[in-house]
C-alpha atoms as a PDB file:
ATOM      1  CA  MET A   1     179.747 133.273  42.936  1.00  0.00           C
ATOM      2  CA  SER A   2     180.095 136.809  41.679  1.00  0.00           C
ATOM      3  CA  VAL A   3     178.228 138.225  38.683  1.00  0.00           C
ATOM      4  CA  PRO A   4     180.455 139.841  36.036  1.00  0.00           C
ATOM      5  CA  ARG A   5     179.923 143.596  35.760  1.00  0.00           C
ATOM      6  CA  THR A   6     178.819 143.417  32.069  1.00  0.00           C
ATOM      7  CA  MET A   7     176.120 140.843  32.893  1.00  0.00           C
ATOM      8  CA  TRP A   8     174.874 143.083  35.710  1.00  0.00           C
ATOM      9  CA  ARG A   9     174.763 146.130  33.421  1.00  0.00           C
ATOM     10  CA  THR A  10     172.777 144.356  30.678  1.00  0.00           C
ATOM     11  CA  GLY A  11     170.823 141.837  32.749  1.00  0.00           C
ATOM     12  CA  MET A  12     169.394 144.217  35.326  1.00  0.00           C
ATOM     13  CA  PRO A  13     167.824 146.639  32.792  1.00  0.00           C
ATOM     14  CA  LEU A  14     166.394 143.674  30.854  1.00  0.00           C
ATOM     15  CA  ALA A  15     164.894 142.171  34.006  1.00  0.00           C
ATOM     16  CA  LEU A  16     163.424 145.530  35.021  1.00  0.00           C
ATOM     17  CA  THR A  17     161.983 146.076  31.535  1.00  0.00           C
ATOM     18  CA  PHE A  18     160.435 142.589  31.513  1.00  0.00           C
ATOM     19  CA  SER A  19     158.911 143.018  34.972  1.00  0.00           C
ATOM     20  CA  LEU A  20     157.310 146.306  33.929  1.00  0.00           C
ATOM     21  CA  ALA A  21     156.183 145.049  30.505  1.00  0.00           C
ATOM     22  CA  VAL A  22     154.210 142.028  31.745  1.00  0.00           C
ATOM     23  CA  PRO A  23     151.587 143.993  33.729  1.00  0.00           C
ATOM     24  CA  VAL A  24     151.293 146.548  30.910  1.00  0.00           C
ATOM     25  CA  ALA A  25     150.631 143.773  28.384  1.00  0.00           C
ATOM     26  CA  ALA A  26     147.834 142.449  30.596  1.00  0.00           C
ATOM     27  CA  PHE A  27     146.083 145.822  30.380  1.00  0.00           C
ATOM     28  CA  ALA A  28     146.698 146.296  26.658  1.00  0.00           C
ATOM     29  CA  ALA A  29     144.684 143.273  25.494  1.00  0.00           C
ATOM     30  CA  VAL A  30     141.010 143.991  24.897  1.00  0.00           C
ATOM     31  CA  PRO A  31     139.018 140.778  24.371  1.00  0.00           C
ATOM     32  CA  GLY A  32     136.135 141.103  21.952  1.00  0.00           C
ATOM     33  CA  GLY A  33     137.562 143.992  19.952  1.00  0.00           C
ATOM     34  CA  PRO A  34     136.815 147.724  20.004  1.00  0.00           C
ATOM     35  CA  GLY A  35     134.033 148.836  22.305  1.00  0.00           C
ATOM     36  CA  ALA A  36     133.783 145.499  24.092  1.00  0.00           C
ATOM     37  CA  PRO A  37     134.160 145.439  27.858  1.00  0.00           C
ATOM     38  CA  ALA A  38     137.779 144.736  28.760  1.00  0.00           C
ATOM     39  CA  VAL A  39     139.116 142.290  31.293  1.00  0.00           C
ATOM     40  CA  VAL A  40     140.785 144.345  34.001  1.00  0.00           C
ATOM     41  CA  ALA A  41     143.684 143.005  36.030  1.00  0.00           C
ATOM     42  CA  SER A  42     144.384 144.851  39.262  1.00  0.00           C
ATOM     43  CA  SER A  43     147.258 142.730  40.491  1.00  0.00           C
ATOM     44  CA  ALA A  44     149.625 140.435  38.649  1.00  0.00           C
ATOM     45  CA  ALA A  45     150.358 138.686  41.970  1.00  0.00           C
ATOM     46  CA  ASP A  46     146.743 137.640  42.681  1.00  0.00           C
ATOM     47  CA  PRO A  47     144.699 137.241  39.489  1.00  0.00           C
ATOM     48  CA  ALA A  48     141.892 135.465  41.381  1.00  0.00           C
ATOM     49  CA  ALA A  49     141.178 138.696  43.285  1.00  0.00           C
ATOM     50  CA  SER A  50     140.983 140.777  40.091  1.00  0.00           C
ATOM     51  CA  PRO A  51     137.558 141.984  38.991  1.00  0.00           C
ATOM     52  CA  ALA A  52     136.545 140.850  35.524  1.00  0.00           C
ATOM     53  CA  VAL A  53     134.013 142.075  33.009  1.00  0.00           C
ATOM     54  CA  GLU A  54     132.514 139.661  30.533  1.00  0.00           C
ATOM     55  CA  GLY A  55     130.336 140.313  27.555  1.00  0.00           C
ATOM     56  CA  SER A  56     128.314 138.507  24.933  1.00  0.00           C
ATOM     57  CA  PRO A  57     126.908 139.794  21.650  1.00  0.00           C
ATOM     58  CA  SER A  58     123.707 137.847  22.398  1.00  0.00           C
ATOM     59  CA  SER A  59     123.107 139.781  25.651  1.00  0.00           C
ATOM     60  CA  VAL A  60     121.144 143.017  25.281  1.00  0.00           C
ATOM     61  CA  ARG A  61     122.645 144.359  28.514  1.00  0.00           C
ATOM     62  CA  ASP A  62     126.177 143.639  27.316  1.00  0.00           C
ATOM     63  CA  ARG A  63     125.514 145.325  23.959  1.00  0.00           C
ATOM     64  CA  VAL A  64     124.137 148.438  25.691  1.00  0.00           C
ATOM     65  CA  ALA A  65     127.175 148.476  28.011  1.00  0.00           C
ATOM     66  CA  ALA A  66     129.541 148.064  25.037  1.00  0.00           C
ATOM     67  CA  PHE A  67     127.795 150.926  23.231  1.00  0.00           C
ATOM     68  CA  TYR A  68     127.917 153.315  26.192  1.00  0.00           C
ATOM     69  CA  GLY A  69     131.549 152.404  26.917  1.00  0.00           C
ATOM     70  CA  ALA A  70     132.676 153.013  23.355  1.00  0.00           C
ATOM     71  CA  TYR A  71     130.500 156.131  22.946  1.00  0.00           C
ATOM     72  CA  VAL A  72     131.832 157.742  26.136  1.00  0.00           C
ATOM     73  CA  ASP A  73     135.385 156.875  25.047  1.00  0.00           C
ATOM     74  CA  ALA A  74     134.809 158.430  21.615  1.00  0.00           C
ATOM     75  CA  LEU A  75     133.655 161.712  23.166  1.00  0.00           C
ATOM     76  CA  THR A  76     136.134 161.944  26.051  1.00  0.00           C
ATOM     77  CA  GLY A  77     139.365 163.878  25.621  1.00  0.00           C
ATOM     78  CA  ARG A  78     140.061 164.233  21.918  1.00  0.00           C
ATOM     79  CA  ARG A  79     136.480 164.043  20.610  1.00  0.00           C
ATOM     80  CA  ASP A  80     136.074 161.605  17.717  1.00  0.00           C
ATOM     81  CA  THR A  81     132.672 162.561  16.304  1.00  0.00           C
ATOM     82  CA  ALA A  82     133.142 160.280  13.274  1.00  0.00           C
ATOM     83  CA  LEU A  83     133.525 157.299  15.614  1.00  0.00           C
ATOM     84  CA  ALA A  84     130.535 158.445  17.701  1.00  0.00           C
ATOM     85  CA  SER A  85     128.435 158.612  14.528  1.00  0.00           C
ATOM     86  CA  ALA A  86     129.623 155.168  13.403  1.00  0.00           C
ATOM     87  CA  LEU A  87     128.724 153.733  16.824  1.00  0.00           C
ATOM     88  CA  ARG A  88     125.229 155.191  16.531  1.00  0.00           C
ATOM     89  CA  SER A  89     124.850 153.577  13.099  1.00  0.00           C
ATOM     90  CA  HIS A  90     125.990 150.226  14.435  1.00  0.00           C
ATOM     91  CA  TYR A  91     124.055 150.090  17.739  1.00  0.00           C
ATOM     92  CA  LEU A  92     120.854 152.121  17.112  1.00  0.00           C
ATOM     93  CA  THR A  93     117.881 151.385  14.859  1.00  0.00           C
ATOM     94  CA  LYS A  94     117.452 153.701  11.870  1.00  0.00           C
ATOM     95  CA  GLU A  95     114.037 154.835  13.155  1.00  0.00           C
ATOM     96  CA  PHE A  96     115.485 155.712  16.550  1.00  0.00           C
ATOM     97  CA  ARG A  97     118.409 157.599  14.988  1.00  0.00           C
ATOM     98  CA  ASP A  98     115.889 159.759  13.124  1.00  0.00           C
ATOM     99  CA  ARG A  99     113.859 160.462  16.299  1.00  0.00           C
ATOM    100  CA  LEU A 100     117.071 161.102  18.238  1.00  0.00           C
ATOM    101  CA  ALA A 101     118.273 163.684  15.678  1.00  0.00           C
ATOM    102  CA  SER A 102     114.970 165.526  16.041  1.00  0.00           C
ATOM    103  CA  TRP A 103     115.200 165.424  19.867  1.00  0.00           C
ATOM    104  CA  GLU A 104     118.798 166.717  19.729  1.00  0.00           C
ATOM    105  CA  ARG A 105     117.901 169.651  17.464  1.00  0.00           C
ATOM    106  CA  LYS A 106     115.042 170.608  19.770  1.00  0.00           C
ATOM    107  CA  ASN A 107     117.039 170.235  23.031  1.00  0.00           C
ATOM    108  CA  ASN A 108     120.551 171.233  21.873  1.00  0.00           C
ATOM    109  CA  ALA A 109     121.996 168.227  23.715  1.00  0.00           C
ATOM    110  CA  ASP A 110     123.359 164.747  23.040  1.00  0.00           C
ATOM    111  CA  GLY A 111     120.352 162.434  23.109  1.00  0.00           C
ATOM    112  CA  ILE A 112     122.428 159.418  24.123  1.00  0.00           C
ATOM    113  CA  PHE A 113     123.269 161.114  27.449  1.00  0.00           C
ATOM    114  CA  ARG A 114     120.325 163.551  27.530  1.00  0.00           C
ATOM    115  CA  SER A 115     122.975 166.177  28.295  1.00  0.00           C
ATOM    116  CA  GLN A 116     125.335 168.674  26.664  1.00  0.00           C
ATOM    117  CA  ASN A 117     128.284 167.091  28.485  1.00  0.00           C
ATOM    118  CA  THR A 118     129.925 163.665  28.518  1.00  0.00           C
ATOM    119  CA  PRO A 119     129.689 161.600  31.726  1.00  0.00           C
ATOM    120  CA  ARG A 120     132.834 160.248  33.356  1.00  0.00           C
ATOM    121  CA  ALA A 121     131.399 156.772  34.019  1.00  0.00           C
ATOM    122  CA  TRP A 122     128.380 154.572  33.351  1.00  0.00           C
ATOM    123  CA  ARG A 123     126.736 151.451  34.748  1.00  0.00           C
ATOM    124  CA  VAL A 124     124.236 149.267  32.884  1.00  0.00           C
ATOM    125  CA  THR A 125     121.823 146.837  34.558  1.00  0.00           C
ATOM    126  CA  TYR A 126     119.084 144.632  33.126  1.00  0.00           C
ATOM    127  CA  ASP A 127     115.594 145.889  33.958  1.00  0.00           C
ATOM    128  CA  ASN A 128     112.862 143.930  32.173  1.00  0.00           C
ATOM    129  CA  SER A 129     111.717 142.388  28.898  1.00  0.00           C
ATOM    130  CA  GLY A 130     108.505 141.655  27.042  1.00  0.00           C
ATOM    131  CA  ALA A 131     106.659 142.132  23.755  1.00  0.00           C
ATOM    132  CA  GLY A 132     109.849 141.816  21.709  1.00  0.00           C
ATOM    133  CA  HIS A 133     111.837 144.371  23.711  1.00  0.00           C
ATOM    134  CA  ALA A 134     114.285 144.433  26.605  1.00  0.00           C
ATOM    135  CA  TRP A 135     114.942 147.374  28.897  1.00  0.00           C
ATOM    136  CA  THR A 136     118.158 148.244  30.643  1.00  0.00           C
ATOM    137  CA  SER A 137     118.823 150.928  33.211  1.00  0.00           C
ATOM    138  CA  VAL A 138     121.828 153.142  32.550  1.00  0.00           C
ATOM    139  CA  ARG A 139     123.320 155.193  35.376  1.00  0.00           C
ATOM    140  CA  LEU A 140     125.578 158.012  34.175  1.00  0.00           C
ATOM    141  CA  THR A 141     128.100 159.429  36.629  1.00  0.00           C
ATOM    142  CA  TRP A 142     128.982 163.122  36.585  1.00  0.00           C
ATOM    143  CA  GLY A 143     131.277 165.276  38.714  1.00  0.00           C
ATOM    144  CA  ASP A 144     134.372 164.163  40.556  1.00  0.00           C
ATOM    145  CA  ASP A 145     135.115 161.144  42.767  1.00  0.00           C
ATOM    146  CA  LYS A 146     134.383 163.051  45.983  1.00  0.00           C
ATOM    147  CA  HIS A 147     131.056 164.534  44.848  1.00  0.00           C
ATOM    148  CA  PRO A 148     129.513 162.344  42.131  1.00  0.00           C
ATOM    149  CA  THR A 149     126.045 162.990  40.804  1.00  0.00           C
ATOM    150  CA  TYR A 150     123.989 160.558  38.766  1.00  0.00           C
ATOM    151  CA  THR A 151     121.373 160.627  36.061  1.00  0.00           C
ATOM    152  CA  TYR A 152     119.381 157.587  34.992  1.00  0.00           C
ATOM    153  CA  LEU A 153     118.142 156.475  31.596  1.00  0.00           C
ATOM    154  CA  THR A 154     115.927 153.629  30.459  1.00  0.00           C
ATOM    155  CA  VAL A 155     117.231 152.091  27.244  1.00  0.00           C
ATOM    156  CA  GLN A 156     114.931 149.957  25.100  1.00  0.00           C
ATOM    157  CA  SER A 157     116.410 147.363  22.748  1.00  0.00           C
ATOM    158  CA  ASP A 158     114.694 145.169  20.160  1.00  0.00           C
ATOM    159  CA  LEU A 159     115.180 141.525  21.088  1.00  0.00           C
ATOM    160  CA  SER A 160     115.258 140.330  17.462  1.00  0.00           C
ATOM    161  CA  THR A 161     118.134 142.617  16.423  1.00  0.00           C
ATOM    162  CA  LYS A 162     119.635 143.624  19.820  1.00  0.00           C
ATOM    163  CA  LEU A 163     119.640 147.218  18.512  1.00  0.00           C
ATOM    164  CA  ILE A 164     118.759 150.163  20.762  1.00  0.00           C
ATOM    165  CA  SER A 165     115.341 151.485  19.729  1.00  0.00           C
ATOM    166  CA  ASP A 166     114.653 154.139  22.398  1.00  0.00           C
ATOM    167  CA  ILE A 167     116.242 156.065  25.280  1.00  0.00           C
ATOM    168  CA  LYS A 168     114.214 157.896  27.898  1.00  0.00           C
ATOM    169  CA  GLU A 169     115.096 159.750  31.064  1.00  0.00           C
ATOM    170  CA  ALA A 170     114.282 157.667  34.133  1.00  0.00           C
ATOM    171  CA  PRO A 171     113.439 158.915  37.600  1.00  0.00           C
ATOM    172  CA  THR A 172     116.225 158.907  40.161  1.00  0.00           C
ATOM    173  CA  PRO A 173     115.790 155.860  42.399  1.00  0.00           C
ATOM    174  CA  SER A 174     114.852 156.694  45.950  1.00  0.00           C
ATOM    175  CA  PRO A 175     117.450 155.801  48.593  1.00  0.00           C
ATOM    176  CA  MET A 176     116.990 152.570  50.515  1.00  0.00           C
ATOM    177  CA  PRO A 177     115.524 153.101  53.983  1.00  0.00           C
ATOM    178  CA  THR A 178     117.958 152.564  56.837  1.00  0.00           C
ATOM    179  CA  GLY A 179     117.210 151.048  60.233  1.00  0.00           C
ATOM    180  CA  GLY A 180     113.794 150.825  61.875  1.00  0.00           C
ATOM    181  CA  GLY A 181     111.822 149.237  59.040  1.00  0.00           C
ATOM    182  CA  ALA A 182     108.034 149.488  58.583  1.00  0.00           C
ATOM    183  CA  ARG A 183     105.805 149.709  61.658  1.00  0.00           C
END
């Protein structure tokens, strides 16, 4: 059976467009709205092997990760300082915003990053909780892929509101010992 030339001319471009549009649509959807961690699909052929990121508004760690993700995005490329300010209003306590403004005037740096620059990546891990607060560790990644450097922050959140109430520089973790062990 031969395919008529007109079907080939219209069908092939449509098939190619559809095959390219499906993976793009998978990346375009952002569950949870703006600033929420997105589900990332690395291969349309094997979705089970794709890494996924989940989030919950009741998780302090997830809220800190959502804040840092959205804040970095707002200040990367075409800087959107209005969005960055709105994110601060939404995720930080009023008292902390006031202290942060004072710190920023004194240090001439962005208090969220404790730097004048914007990091290229971040990682948030749960650290501890008690006395109405939870602490997360934020690792900021600087430099390029071949030579990354890291800074670490401890972020305090109020458990009752899930709002960030303090950010402090944290010491760089010491590398894990290799081989030998203790003697």
